Amino acid sequence: GAIVVTETIHFAFGPDEFTYVYRELSSRKTDGLTMIEASIDGVPMARGKGPGQFELKQKDGRRRVVWHFPATSNATRTFAVTYRAAGVVWQDADSDVLAWTLLPTRHEYAIACASGEVRYPEGAALVAGATLDPPGSEIQHAGRTVRFERCPFERNASWVMTLRFAPGSVISAAPRWQQRSIRNRENIAL
């Protein structure tokens, strides 16, 4: 029920100087996030607060990845982060569900294009086609890979991808966060 996510973000900076960018990662409906690596323009970074380094901050159930770099203007830079999200596949009445938010739910900038790719494990049996919210994305399915793209996105527009698999073909037990939620509902009903 875990996924390894690599996000690659291309920023086109205007005339104003920037020395950092960040991406907030939600740990909601996960059993936790583990950072693997971060890079700028393909160059791996060490943890720290200086130029060429990245830091992790945590606040209100969100983790923030901050990339620090020398003052940059009128340039394009590519930022990447790879992390593992545990317990993201959950059990529904009739399927194992992977629902993942692909774009930050808050961003002060428009996004020209976004694309994604999911490769699911051998033995995982899709019971329905991929859905994307909002709809209107191009979706391609080949073997155990689903690819999708949408252009453009307005400010604060999000994008959620959902895949439904045959029950038990991805996970044999509900993730910890879902088990806690079920226990909480049962306790309230008493």
Protein backbone atom coordinates (compact mmCIF):
# COMPACT_ATOMS: atom_id res chain seq x y z
CA GLY A 1 0.00 0.00 0.00
CA ALA A 2 2.99 2.35 -0.26
CA ILE A 3 4.04 4.42 -3.25
CA VAL A 4 7.31 6.02 -4.23
CA VAL A 5 6.68 9.45 -5.73
CA THR A 6 9.04 11.54 -7.81
CA GLU A 7 7.84 15.08 -8.49
CA THR A 8 9.62 17.18 -11.08
CA ILE A 9 8.73 20.86 -11.22
CA HIS A 10 9.94 23.33 -13.86
CA PHE A 11 9.81 26.94 -12.68
CA ALA A 12 10.20 29.86 -15.09
CA PHE A 13 11.37 32.82 -12.98
CA GLY A 14 10.62 36.37 -14.07
CA PRO A 15 12.63 39.53 -13.30
CA ASP A 16 12.20 39.28 -9.51
CA GLU A 17 14.96 37.42 -7.67
CA PHE A 18 14.18 34.20 -5.81
CA THR A 19 16.42 32.26 -3.44
CA TYR A 20 14.07 29.39 -2.55
CA VAL A 21 10.95 27.53 -3.64
CA TYR A 22 8.92 25.03 -1.66
CA ARG A 23 6.39 22.25 -2.06
CA GLU A 24 4.01 21.19 0.69
CA LEU A 25 3.35 17.46 0.90
CA SER A 26 0.23 16.34 2.72
CA SER A 27 0.52 13.32 4.97
CA ARG A 28 -3.28 13.15 5.28
CA LYS A 29 -4.57 9.63 4.57
CA THR A 30 -1.06 8.17 4.75
CA ASP A 31 0.87 6.18 7.32
CA GLY A 32 3.72 8.65 6.92
CA LEU A 33 6.17 10.14 4.44
CA THR A 34 9.87 9.36 4.13
CA MET A 35 12.16 11.64 2.14
CA ILE A 36 14.51 9.95 -0.29
CA GLU A 37 16.18 12.79 -2.21
CA ALA A 38 15.90 16.31 -3.63
CA SER A 39 17.72 17.97 -6.51
CA ILE A 40 17.97 21.15 -8.59
CA ASP A 41 18.66 20.85 -12.32
CA GLY A 42 19.56 17.17 -11.81
CA VAL A 43 22.15 17.87 -9.09
CA PRO A 44 21.42 16.01 -5.82
CA MET A 45 21.26 18.18 -2.72
CA ALA A 46 22.30 17.66 0.90
CA ARG A 47 20.11 18.78 3.78
CA GLY A 48 20.71 22.27 5.07
CA LYS A 49 19.60 25.89 4.74
CA GLY A 50 22.31 27.22 2.43
CA PRO A 51 22.26 27.66 -1.34
CA GLY A 52 22.33 24.25 -3.04
CA GLN A 53 20.72 22.55 -0.04
CA PHE A 54 17.18 21.51 0.88
CA GLU A 55 15.38 21.41 4.18
CA LEU A 56 12.30 19.69 5.55
CA LYS A 57 9.81 21.45 7.76
CA GLN A 58 6.71 19.98 9.38
CA LYS A 59 3.58 21.87 10.37
CA ASP A 60 -0.08 20.88 10.82
CA GLY A 61 0.30 17.42 9.27
CA ARG A 62 2.13 18.76 6.22
CA ARG A 63 5.75 18.44 5.31
CA ARG A 64 7.36 21.26 3.41
CA VAL A 65 10.35 20.65 1.17
CA VAL A 66 12.34 23.87 0.68
CA TRP A 67 14.97 24.09 -2.06
CA HIS A 68 17.59 26.83 -1.43
CA PHE A 69 19.64 28.24 -4.31
CA PRO A 70 21.65 31.34 -5.29
CA ALA A 71 19.55 34.37 -6.27
CA THR A 72 17.84 33.55 -9.57
CA SER A 73 15.84 35.70 -12.01
CA ASN A 74 14.91 35.44 -15.70
CA ALA A 75 15.78 31.75 -15.77
CA THR A 76 14.20 28.31 -15.76
CA ARG A 77 15.17 25.79 -13.09
CA THR A 78 14.06 22.19 -12.53
CA PHE A 79 13.35 21.00 -8.98
CA ALA A 80 12.79 17.34 -8.10
CA VAL A 81 11.88 15.50 -4.92
CA THR A 82 11.46 11.77 -4.33
CA TYR A 83 9.67 10.43 -1.29
CA ARG A 84 7.85 7.31 -0.08
CA ALA A 85 4.26 7.59 1.11
CA ALA A 86 3.24 4.60 3.26
CA GLY A 87 -0.31 3.33 3.62
CA VAL A 88 -1.87 5.32 0.77
CA VAL A 89 -3.85 2.44 -0.75
CA TRP A 90 -7.03 1.98 1.28
CA GLN A 91 -9.91 -0.49 1.28
CA ASP A 92 -13.34 0.39 -0.05
CA ALA A 93 -16.33 -1.97 0.04
CA ASP A 94 -15.56 -3.29 -3.45
CA SER A 95 -11.94 -2.33 -4.20
CA ASP A 96 -8.46 -1.35 -3.08
CA VAL A 97 -8.22 2.38 -3.82
CA LEU A 98 -5.25 4.58 -4.68
CA ALA A 99 -6.37 8.23 -4.64
CA TRP A 100 -3.48 10.69 -4.83
CA THR A 101 -3.42 14.49 -5.05
CA LEU A 102 -0.97 15.26 -7.85
CA LEU A 103 -0.80 19.04 -7.50
CA PRO A 104 -0.63 21.21 -4.42
CA THR A 105 -4.09 22.34 -3.35
CA ARG A 106 -2.76 25.87 -2.88
CA HIS A 107 -0.42 27.56 -5.33
CA GLU A 108 -0.21 31.25 -6.16
CA TYR A 109 0.83 30.59 -9.74
CA ALA A 110 -0.73 29.12 -12.84
CA ILE A 111 0.63 25.78 -14.08
CA ALA A 112 1.18 25.54 -17.85
CA CYS A 113 1.04 21.73 -17.99
CA ALA A 114 1.07 18.81 -15.57
CA SER A 115 1.56 15.15 -16.29
CA GLY A 116 1.83 11.99 -14.26
CA GLU A 117 2.60 8.32 -14.58
CA VAL A 118 1.61 5.45 -12.30
CA ARG A 119 3.20 2.02 -12.61
CA TYR A 120 1.37 -0.49 -10.48
CA PRO A 121 2.68 -3.88 -9.31
CA GLU A 122 2.27 -7.24 -10.98
CA GLY A 123 -0.84 -8.93 -9.60
CA ALA A 124 -2.70 -5.66 -9.03
CA ALA A 125 -5.87 -5.92 -11.10
CA LEU A 126 -7.56 -2.67 -12.16
CA VAL A 127 -11.36 -2.92 -11.96
CA ALA A 128 -12.04 0.45 -13.61
CA GLY A 129 -10.23 3.03 -15.69
CA ALA A 130 -8.24 5.79 -14.04
CA THR A 131 -10.25 8.84 -13.05
CA LEU A 132 -8.92 12.35 -12.67
CA ASP A 133 -10.63 15.18 -10.83
CA PRO A 134 -11.22 17.62 -12.36
CA PRO A 135 -12.04 15.65 -15.51
CA GLY A 136 -10.78 16.61 -18.95
CA SER A 137 -7.31 15.08 -18.86
CA GLU A 138 -5.79 12.89 -21.52
CA ILE A 139 -5.34 9.35 -20.10
CA GLN A 140 -3.31 6.55 -21.70
CA HIS A 141 -3.12 3.00 -20.37
CA ALA A 142 -0.41 0.56 -21.50
CA GLY A 143 0.27 -2.66 -19.60
CA ARG A 144 0.65 -1.78 -15.90
CA THR A 145 1.29 1.92 -16.59
CA VAL A 146 -1.22 4.76 -16.64
CA ARG A 147 -0.11 8.14 -18.03
CA PHE A 148 -2.06 11.38 -17.94
CA GLU A 149 -1.65 15.04 -18.88
CA ARG A 150 -3.60 18.24 -18.55
CA CYS A 151 -2.83 21.76 -19.73
CA PRO A 152 -3.27 24.38 -18.21
CA PHE A 153 -4.19 24.70 -14.52
CA GLU A 154 -5.30 27.93 -12.91
CA ARG A 155 -4.05 29.19 -9.55
CA ASN A 156 -5.03 26.91 -6.67
CA ALA A 157 -6.47 24.30 -9.06
CA SER A 158 -5.73 20.80 -7.79
CA TRP A 159 -5.68 17.40 -9.50
CA VAL A 160 -6.59 14.06 -7.92
CA MET A 161 -5.93 10.71 -9.60
CA THR A 162 -7.88 7.62 -8.51
CA LEU A 163 -7.22 3.99 -9.43
CA ARG A 164 -9.45 1.15 -8.22
CA PHE A 165 -8.07 -2.38 -7.97
CA ALA A 166 -9.70 -5.74 -7.24
CA PRO A 167 -10.10 -6.21 -3.47
CA GLY A 168 -6.98 -7.74 -1.95
CA SER A 169 -4.93 -7.44 -5.14
CA VAL A 170 -2.85 -4.56 -3.71
CA ILE A 171 -3.27 -4.74 0.07
CA SER A 172 -4.44 -7.46 2.46
CA ALA A 173 -5.32 -5.13 5.34
CA ALA A 174 -6.44 -1.53 5.68
CA PRO A 175 -3.65 1.02 6.37
CA ARG A 176 -3.22 2.20 9.97
CA TRP A 177 -4.88 5.60 9.34
CA GLN A 178 -8.00 3.86 7.96
CA GLN A 179 -8.08 1.38 10.85
CA ARG A 180 -7.95 4.30 13.34
CA SER A 181 -10.76 6.05 11.48
CA ILE A 182 -12.94 2.92 11.62
CA ARG A 183 -12.27 2.49 15.37
CA ASN A 184 -13.10 6.16 16.00
CA ARG A 185 -16.44 5.83 14.16
CA GLU A 186 -17.26 2.64 16.08
CA ASN A 187 -16.45 4.33 19.41
CA ILE A 188 -18.66 7.30 18.55
CA ALA A 189 -21.53 4.98 17.61
CA LEU A 190 -21.38 3.32 21.05
